[in-house]
Amino acid sequence: MYVVNPEEEVIEIMKKTGIDLAATLPCDRIKNLLPLVSENFPEIKLTREENGVGICAGAYLAGGKPMMLIQSTGLGNMINALESLNVICKIPLPVLTSWRGVYKEGIEAQVPLGVHLPGILEGAGIAYTTIDGPEKIGLLEEVIRDAYENLRPHVALVSPRTWEGSSCCAWDTQKAPKTPEKEKVCKFRLTQKVLEPRMIRNDAISAVATELDGELTVTNLGVPCKELYAARDRDLNFYMFGSMGLTTSIGLGIALRTDRQVVVFDGDGSLLMNPNALLEVGREAPENLTILALDNGAYGSTGSQETCALRYIDLEILANACGIQNTHKVNAEEELVYLYKDSLNARQTSFIHVILKPGNTKAPNIPLSPEDVTKRFMESLKKDQNKS
């Protein structure tokens, strides 16, 4: 006989192991667990699982101890991010997954991935633990501890059988509060004319780099990282080496865990690869986050192939539509520096859409490993926080 329901045991394990942020996406098999998570932990309600990998990485970089709770199907769009961010940077992430497709599954589409997940994770070198009944819930504690002690992702594959005998009824359609009427407020501050590009990306990065003081930065992978390194390397610069599309997600995770100003150097190709990042930013709206959308209409690091931002999508309008209110469009260095300084005092999320010409500099490779970048960023931030 169990003293508590398995859902309640999960909550106790999360508290015992020091989890301080939960990133979640629903599955009906854990519908009684998720309300308990909401009641007991700060929570990011995700719109895409891969985005959660970036947010949790940012939270960890700033000293947090995050965990994800998702449906196992989400692992399908997370594996590259786990490999090219968590594994190479040695960033821990415990993931509780509701393991679909293997036990009393009524949806045929869940079966192919669910059946092969253990083999997929094993082939990818990602640690996993199977929890196939309530008697094994205690293994979740080891999953969390292993992730943080060995600085790696660790997945708990939790069978629906685990929750079958539970009397937990945190989720009840009869008692659930009524859905409030929809209310959307969207304020537009858009440039009325098309701005002609005057700068290349390096001009914009260098202009802002000279103004950096104690800000924490996250920079998009490839040439942008090299250009910032060449312009002004700092211990508080987090350079990305992979996981394209998660630059803003990582910046959001950091901003939610610290009062320090956080600056994201993102690109049009990266933002369009993961526009969900802007949705999460718009909803969470941290007052210490500035996003510099460096838009040259091209995939600069791969040969300057055209992106949709060149002819079809306006990133400032996209940011507005995602709920980010303080937006600007700029094409000149002097105005960019002015708007950047102003954003630091705005006390709200700022999105600066920087219109650029395509073009790369011959900046050298960064002579640091992903693990080195992670360590020095965290150590420098911790040192600064201890001083204050």
Protein backbone atom coordinates (compact mmCIF):
# COMPACT_ATOMS: atom_id res chain seq x y z
CA MET A 1 0.00 0.00 0.00
CA TYR A 2 1.28 3.44 -0.95
CA VAL A 3 1.15 6.27 1.54
CA VAL A 4 0.88 8.84 -1.26
CA ASN A 5 -0.24 8.73 -4.87
CA PRO A 6 2.50 8.48 -7.53
CA GLU A 7 1.79 12.07 -8.64
CA GLU A 8 2.40 13.31 -5.10
CA GLU A 9 5.54 11.20 -4.87
CA VAL A 10 6.89 12.90 -7.99
CA ILE A 11 6.34 16.29 -6.39
CA GLU A 12 8.14 15.21 -3.22
CA ILE A 13 11.09 13.90 -5.25
CA MET A 14 11.31 17.15 -7.22
CA LYS A 15 11.36 19.14 -3.98
CA LYS A 16 13.87 16.82 -2.33
CA THR A 17 16.29 17.13 -5.23
CA GLY A 18 16.03 20.93 -5.36
CA ILE A 19 14.18 21.42 -8.64
CA ASP A 20 13.27 25.11 -8.89
CA LEU A 21 11.75 25.40 -12.38
CA ALA A 22 9.44 23.10 -14.32
CA ALA A 23 9.04 23.34 -18.09
CA THR A 24 5.92 21.47 -19.17
CA LEU A 25 3.81 20.39 -22.12
CA PRO A 26 0.61 18.38 -21.52
CA CYS A 27 -0.15 14.70 -21.99
CA ASP A 28 -3.48 13.28 -20.82
CA ARG A 29 -1.65 10.46 -19.00
CA ILE A 30 -0.11 13.01 -16.61
CA LYS A 31 -3.14 15.29 -16.40
CA ASN A 32 -3.32 14.80 -12.62
CA LEU A 33 0.38 15.48 -12.15
CA LEU A 34 0.63 18.75 -14.04
CA PRO A 35 -1.70 20.81 -11.76
CA LEU A 36 0.39 19.71 -8.78
CA VAL A 37 3.51 20.88 -10.60
CA SER A 38 1.86 24.25 -11.24
CA GLU A 39 0.97 24.59 -7.56
CA ASN A 40 4.41 23.73 -6.25
CA PHE A 41 6.98 25.12 -8.69
CA PRO A 42 7.63 28.09 -10.94
CA GLU A 43 6.52 26.82 -14.33
CA ILE A 44 7.08 27.57 -18.00
CA LYS A 45 4.19 26.24 -20.07
CA LEU A 46 5.88 25.42 -23.36
CA THR A 47 4.55 25.57 -26.89
CA ARG A 48 7.30 23.29 -28.23
CA GLU A 49 9.52 20.85 -26.37
CA GLU A 50 12.76 21.80 -28.13
CA ASN A 51 12.24 25.35 -26.94
CA GLY A 52 12.15 24.04 -23.38
CA VAL A 53 15.64 22.59 -23.81
CA GLY A 54 16.95 26.11 -24.47
CA ILE A 55 14.98 27.74 -21.65
CA CYS A 56 16.13 25.12 -19.15
CA ALA A 57 19.73 25.47 -20.34
CA GLY A 58 19.55 29.22 -19.75
CA ALA A 59 18.06 28.74 -16.29
CA TYR A 60 20.88 26.35 -15.40
CA LEU A 61 23.55 28.75 -16.70
CA ALA A 62 22.16 31.36 -14.31
CA GLY A 63 22.26 29.01 -11.32
CA GLY A 64 18.87 27.30 -11.53
CA LYS A 65 17.91 23.65 -11.33
CA PRO A 66 15.24 23.06 -14.00
CA MET A 67 13.39 19.93 -15.10
CA MET A 68 11.11 19.13 -18.03
CA LEU A 69 7.80 17.18 -17.89
CA ILE A 70 6.47 16.31 -21.34
CA GLN A 71 4.92 13.63 -23.53
CA SER A 72 7.49 11.24 -24.99
CA THR A 73 6.68 12.29 -28.55
CA GLY A 74 8.44 15.57 -27.80
CA LEU A 75 11.75 13.75 -27.58
CA GLY A 76 11.54 13.44 -31.35
CA ASN A 77 12.20 17.16 -31.81
CA MET A 78 14.58 17.46 -28.83
CA ILE A 79 17.35 15.00 -29.60
CA ASN A 80 19.53 17.30 -31.71
CA ALA A 81 19.22 20.07 -29.13
CA LEU A 82 20.11 17.68 -26.32
CA GLU A 83 23.16 16.51 -28.27
CA SER A 84 24.39 19.85 -29.62
CA LEU A 85 23.68 21.90 -26.49
CA ASN A 86 23.40 19.80 -23.34
CA VAL A 87 25.87 17.06 -24.22
CA ILE A 88 28.67 19.18 -25.69
CA CYS A 89 28.31 21.97 -23.10
CA LYS A 90 27.76 19.54 -20.21
CA ILE A 91 24.45 21.12 -19.23
CA PRO A 92 22.24 18.81 -17.12
CA LEU A 93 18.56 18.27 -17.83
CA PRO A 94 16.29 15.67 -16.20
CA VAL A 95 13.24 14.95 -18.37
CA LEU A 96 10.13 13.15 -17.11
CA THR A 97 8.33 11.84 -20.18
CA SER A 98 4.89 10.30 -20.34
CA TRP A 99 5.85 7.25 -22.40
CA ARG A 100 3.26 6.76 -25.11
CA GLY A 101 2.85 3.93 -27.64
CA VAL A 102 3.86 1.02 -25.40
CA TYR A 103 1.05 0.33 -22.90
CA LYS A 104 -2.68 0.27 -23.64
CA GLU A 105 -2.13 2.77 -26.43
CA GLY A 106 -5.29 3.74 -28.31
CA ILE A 107 -3.67 6.10 -30.82
CA GLU A 108 -1.84 4.28 -33.59
CA ALA A 109 0.35 7.25 -34.44
CA GLN A 110 1.96 7.08 -30.99
CA VAL A 111 3.25 3.54 -31.49
CA PRO A 112 6.21 3.76 -33.95
CA LEU A 113 8.23 6.33 -31.98
CA GLY A 114 7.16 5.01 -28.59
CA VAL A 115 8.25 1.46 -29.33
CA HIS A 116 11.63 2.55 -30.65
CA LEU A 117 12.43 5.25 -28.08
CA PRO A 118 14.71 3.13 -25.89
CA GLY A 119 16.78 2.17 -28.95
CA ILE A 120 16.81 5.76 -30.24
CA LEU A 121 18.01 7.14 -26.90
CA GLU A 122 20.58 4.39 -26.54
CA GLY A 123 21.87 5.03 -30.05
CA ALA A 124 22.12 8.74 -29.32
CA GLY A 125 24.04 8.07 -26.11
CA ILE A 126 21.37 9.77 -23.99
CA ALA A 127 20.84 8.22 -20.56
CA TYR A 128 17.36 6.93 -19.83
CA THR A 129 15.55 5.05 -17.07
CA THR A 130 12.35 3.07 -17.50
CA ILE A 131 9.65 3.57 -14.85
CA ASP A 132 6.96 1.04 -15.72
CA GLY A 133 4.89 1.05 -12.53
CA PRO A 134 4.16 3.03 -9.35
CA GLU A 135 6.59 0.87 -7.40
CA LYS A 136 9.44 2.35 -9.47
CA ILE A 137 8.63 6.06 -9.09
CA GLY A 138 11.51 6.33 -6.64
CA LEU A 139 13.89 5.89 -9.59
CA LEU A 140 13.04 9.45 -10.61
CA GLU A 141 15.23 10.70 -7.77
CA GLU A 142 18.22 8.90 -9.28
CA VAL A 143 17.38 10.30 -12.73
CA ILE A 144 17.51 13.86 -11.39
CA ARG A 145 20.62 13.29 -9.29
CA ASP A 146 22.46 11.61 -12.17
CA ALA A 147 21.63 14.48 -14.54
CA TYR A 148 23.07 17.09 -12.19
CA GLU A 149 25.99 15.08 -10.83
CA ASN A 150 27.16 13.96 -14.27
CA LEU A 151 26.14 17.13 -16.13
CA ARG A 152 24.08 15.43 -18.81
CA PRO A 153 20.49 14.93 -19.95
CA HIS A 154 18.70 11.94 -18.41
CA VAL A 155 15.24 10.83 -19.56
CA ALA A 156 12.70 9.03 -17.39
CA LEU A 157 10.37 6.98 -19.60
CA VAL A 158 7.26 6.71 -17.40
CA SER A 159 4.67 4.15 -18.49
CA PRO A 160 0.96 5.06 -18.18
CA ARG A 161 0.70 2.00 -15.92
CA THR A 162 2.43 4.11 -13.26
CA TRP A 163 -0.65 6.26 -12.75
CA GLU A 164 -3.38 3.61 -13.15
CA GLY A 165 -4.09 2.92 -9.49
CA SER A 166 -3.81 6.54 -8.39
CA SER A 167 -6.66 8.21 -6.55
CA CYS A 168 -5.19 11.64 -7.23
CA CYS A 169 -7.81 13.86 -8.84
CA ALA A 170 -6.03 17.20 -9.15
CA TRP A 171 -7.54 17.51 -12.62
CA ASP A 172 -11.33 17.38 -12.67
CA THR A 173 -13.41 18.68 -15.56
CA GLN A 174 -16.35 19.28 -13.23
CA LYS A 175 -14.31 21.36 -10.79
CA ALA A 176 -11.97 23.03 -13.25
CA PRO A 177 -12.35 26.82 -13.42
CA LYS A 178 -14.15 28.18 -16.43
CA THR A 179 -11.95 29.31 -19.28
CA PRO A 180 -11.80 33.11 -19.13
CA GLU A 181 -12.96 35.12 -22.08
CA LYS A 182 -10.20 35.76 -24.57
CA GLU A 183 -8.54 39.12 -24.20
CA LYS A 184 -5.68 40.09 -26.45
CA VAL A 185 -3.86 43.38 -26.36
CA CYS A 186 -1.36 44.05 -29.13
CA LYS A 187 0.23 47.46 -29.52
CA PHE A 188 2.14 48.16 -32.72
CA ARG A 189 5.04 50.59 -33.06
CA LEU A 190 6.16 49.84 -36.57
CA THR A 191 8.34 51.73 -39.00
CA GLN A 192 6.17 53.11 -41.78
CA LYS A 193 8.81 52.84 -44.50
CA VAL A 194 11.19 50.17 -45.65
CA LEU A 195 14.65 50.75 -44.20
CA GLU A 196 17.56 50.26 -46.58
CA PRO A 197 20.36 48.22 -45.04
CA ARG A 198 23.58 50.16 -44.39
CA MET A 199 25.52 47.83 -42.11
CA ILE A 200 26.67 44.25 -42.26
CA ARG A 201 26.19 42.05 -39.18
CA ASN A 202 29.71 42.64 -37.86
CA ASP A 203 29.10 46.41 -37.81
CA ALA A 204 26.06 45.94 -35.58
CA ILE A 205 27.73 43.42 -33.28
CA SER A 206 30.83 45.58 -32.91
CA ALA A 207 28.78 48.71 -32.19
CA VAL A 208 26.91 47.03 -29.34
CA ALA A 209 30.00 45.16 -28.10
CA THR A 210 31.74 48.44 -27.29
CA GLU A 211 28.83 49.34 -24.99
CA LEU A 212 28.73 46.07 -23.02
CA ASP A 213 29.35 46.45 -19.33
CA GLY A 214 27.88 43.86 -16.96
CA GLU A 215 25.31 42.49 -19.38
CA LEU A 216 25.06 38.74 -19.97
CA THR A 217 25.07 37.83 -23.65
CA VAL A 218 23.95 34.84 -25.71
CA THR A 219 25.03 34.77 -29.35
CA ASN A 220 23.79 32.77 -32.32
CA LEU A 221 26.04 30.01 -33.57
CA GLY A 222 28.51 30.23 -36.44
CA VAL A 223 29.98 33.47 -37.71
CA PRO A 224 28.04 35.76 -35.30
CA CYS A 225 29.79 34.10 -32.34
CA LYS A 226 33.17 34.50 -34.00
CA GLU A 227 32.46 38.16 -34.73
CA LEU A 228 31.49 38.92 -31.15
CA TYR A 229 34.54 37.02 -29.88
CA ALA A 230 36.78 39.07 -32.18
CA ALA A 231 35.07 42.35 -31.29
CA ARG A 232 35.03 41.83 -27.52
CA ASP A 233 35.44 38.54 -25.76
CA ARG A 234 34.15 38.46 -22.19
CA ASP A 235 33.59 35.74 -19.61
CA LEU A 236 29.93 36.76 -19.56
CA ASN A 237 29.51 35.96 -23.26
CA PHE A 238 27.82 32.61 -23.89
CA TYR A 239 28.73 31.46 -27.39
CA MET A 240 26.63 28.82 -29.13
CA PHE A 241 28.19 26.00 -31.16
CA GLY A 242 25.02 24.17 -32.22
CA SER A 243 21.26 23.88 -31.57
CA MET A 244 20.29 26.58 -34.04
CA GLY A 245 17.03 28.29 -33.13
CA LEU A 246 17.54 28.24 -29.36
CA THR A 247 19.52 31.46 -28.91
CA THR A 248 16.55 33.50 -27.69
CA SER A 249 15.26 30.54 -25.65
CA ILE A 250 18.54 30.36 -23.73
CA GLY A 251 18.48 34.12 -23.19
CA LEU A 252 14.94 33.88 -21.81
CA GLY A 253 15.96 31.13 -19.39
CA ILE A 254 18.84 33.24 -18.10
CA ALA A 255 16.69 36.36 -17.78
CA LEU A 256 14.08 34.53 -15.73
CA ARG A 257 16.72 33.40 -13.22
CA THR A 258 18.70 36.62 -12.71
CA ASP A 259 18.13 40.35 -12.31
CA ARG A 260 21.09 41.10 -14.57
CA GLN A 261 20.51 42.53 -18.02
CA VAL A 262 20.53 39.82 -20.68
CA VAL A 263 21.31 40.57 -24.33
CA VAL A 264 20.62 38.11 -27.16
CA PHE A 265 22.36 38.40 -30.52
CA ASP A 266 20.00 36.33 -32.65
CA GLY A 267 19.56 36.06 -36.41
CA ASP A 268 16.66 35.97 -38.83
CA GLY A 269 17.31 32.36 -39.84
CA SER A 270 17.53 31.27 -36.23
CA LEU A 271 14.37 33.09 -35.14
CA LEU A 272 12.38 31.71 -38.06
CA MET A 273 13.57 28.21 -37.23
CA ASN A 274 12.03 28.52 -33.76
CA PRO A 275 9.46 31.35 -33.62
CA ASN A 276 8.03 29.62 -30.54
CA ALA A 277 10.85 31.28 -28.65
CA LEU A 278 9.17 34.66 -29.19
CA LEU A 279 5.84 33.27 -27.97
CA GLU A 280 7.43 32.26 -24.67
CA VAL A 281 9.24 35.60 -24.40
CA GLY A 282 6.02 37.54 -25.04
CA ARG A 283 4.16 35.61 -22.36
CA GLU A 284 6.87 35.65 -19.70
CA ALA A 285 7.93 39.24 -20.54
CA PRO A 286 11.07 39.53 -18.39
CA GLU A 287 11.99 43.19 -17.91
CA ASN A 288 15.74 42.49 -18.22
CA LEU A 289 15.84 40.93 -21.71
CA THR A 290 16.89 42.66 -24.93
CA ILE A 291 16.76 40.74 -28.21
CA LEU A 292 18.83 42.05 -31.10
CA ALA A 293 17.35 40.46 -34.24
CA LEU A 294 20.22 40.72 -36.71
CA ASP A 295 18.34 40.44 -39.99
CA ASN A 296 20.43 40.20 -43.15
CA GLY A 297 17.84 38.09 -44.96
CA ALA A 298 20.36 35.27 -45.28
CA TYR A 299 21.77 32.16 -43.66
CA GLY A 300 25.11 33.88 -43.27
CA SER A 301 27.17 30.98 -41.94
CA THR A 302 26.18 28.50 -44.67
CA GLY A 303 26.69 30.52 -47.85
CA SER A 304 24.19 33.40 -47.51
CA GLN A 305 21.19 31.49 -48.84
CA GLU A 306 18.03 33.61 -48.70
CA THR A 307 15.70 33.39 -45.68
CA CYS A 308 11.98 34.19 -45.62
CA ALA A 309 12.83 37.42 -43.79
CA LEU A 310 14.25 38.92 -46.98
CA ARG A 311 10.92 39.15 -48.84
CA TYR A 312 8.04 37.69 -46.86
CA ILE A 313 8.28 38.05 -43.07
CA ASP A 314 8.82 41.16 -40.95
CA LEU A 315 10.45 40.07 -37.69
CA GLU A 316 9.28 43.15 -35.80
CA ILE A 317 5.65 42.40 -36.70
CA LEU A 318 6.23 38.77 -35.71
CA ALA A 319 7.58 39.86 -32.32
CA ASN A 320 4.57 42.16 -31.82
CA ALA A 321 2.19 39.37 -32.74
CA CYS A 322 3.87 37.19 -30.09
CA GLY A 323 3.10 39.81 -27.43
CA ILE A 324 6.39 41.72 -27.27
CA GLN A 325 5.37 45.35 -26.96
CA ASN A 326 8.63 47.34 -26.95
CA THR A 327 9.93 46.89 -30.50
CA HIS A 328 12.03 49.01 -32.83
CA LYS A 329 13.48 48.83 -36.32
CA VAL A 330 16.91 50.31 -37.09
CA ASN A 331 19.49 50.32 -39.89
CA ALA A 332 22.29 52.62 -38.67
CA GLU A 333 25.00 52.16 -36.01
CA GLU A 334 24.41 55.40 -34.11
CA GLU A 335 20.67 54.77 -33.76
CA LEU A 336 21.29 51.13 -32.85
CA VAL A 337 23.56 52.14 -29.97
CA TYR A 338 20.99 54.70 -28.79
CA LEU A 339 18.16 52.17 -28.86
CA TYR A 340 20.33 49.53 -27.20
CA LYS A 341 21.16 51.85 -24.28
CA ASP A 342 17.52 52.87 -24.04
CA SER A 343 16.42 49.22 -23.91
CA LEU A 344 18.54 48.62 -20.81
CA ASN A 345 16.46 51.22 -18.97
CA ALA A 346 13.11 50.27 -20.45
CA ARG A 347 12.10 47.86 -17.64
CA GLN A 348 10.43 45.61 -20.19
CA THR A 349 11.38 43.09 -22.82
CA SER A 350 12.87 44.89 -25.82
CA PHE A 351 13.12 43.65 -29.40
CA ILE A 352 15.37 45.60 -31.77
CA HIS A 353 15.00 44.57 -35.41
CA VAL A 354 18.34 45.41 -37.06
CA ILE A 355 18.17 45.63 -40.87
CA LEU A 356 21.47 44.49 -42.40
CA LYS A 357 23.20 43.71 -45.66
CA PRO A 358 24.42 40.13 -46.05
CA GLY A 359 28.12 39.59 -45.54
CA ASN A 360 30.56 37.88 -43.19
CA THR A 361 33.93 38.91 -41.87
CA LYS A 362 36.86 36.50 -41.70
CA ALA A 363 36.72 36.28 -37.94
CA PRO A 364 38.83 33.38 -36.60
CA ASN A 365 37.40 30.38 -34.81
CA ILE A 366 36.77 30.68 -31.09
CA PRO A 367 39.67 28.94 -29.29
CA LEU A 368 37.42 27.63 -26.53
CA SER A 369 35.48 24.38 -26.21
CA PRO A 370 31.72 24.45 -25.55
CA GLU A 371 32.42 23.12 -22.07
CA ASP A 372 34.99 25.89 -21.44
CA VAL A 373 32.50 28.56 -22.50
CA THR A 374 29.86 27.13 -20.17
CA LYS A 375 32.19 26.87 -17.17
CA ARG A 376 33.65 30.35 -17.43
CA PHE A 377 30.22 31.93 -18.00
CA MET A 378 28.75 30.28 -14.91
CA GLU A 379 31.82 30.91 -12.74
CA SER A 380 31.98 34.57 -13.75
CA LEU A 381 28.27 35.11 -13.11
CA LYS A 382 28.47 33.36 -9.74
CA LYS A 383 31.51 35.45 -8.78
CA ASP A 384 29.71 38.68 -9.69
CA GLN A 385 26.60 37.63 -7.77
CA ASN A 386 28.67 36.82 -4.68
CA LYS A 387 30.26 40.28 -4.82
CA SER A 388 26.87 41.97 -4.88
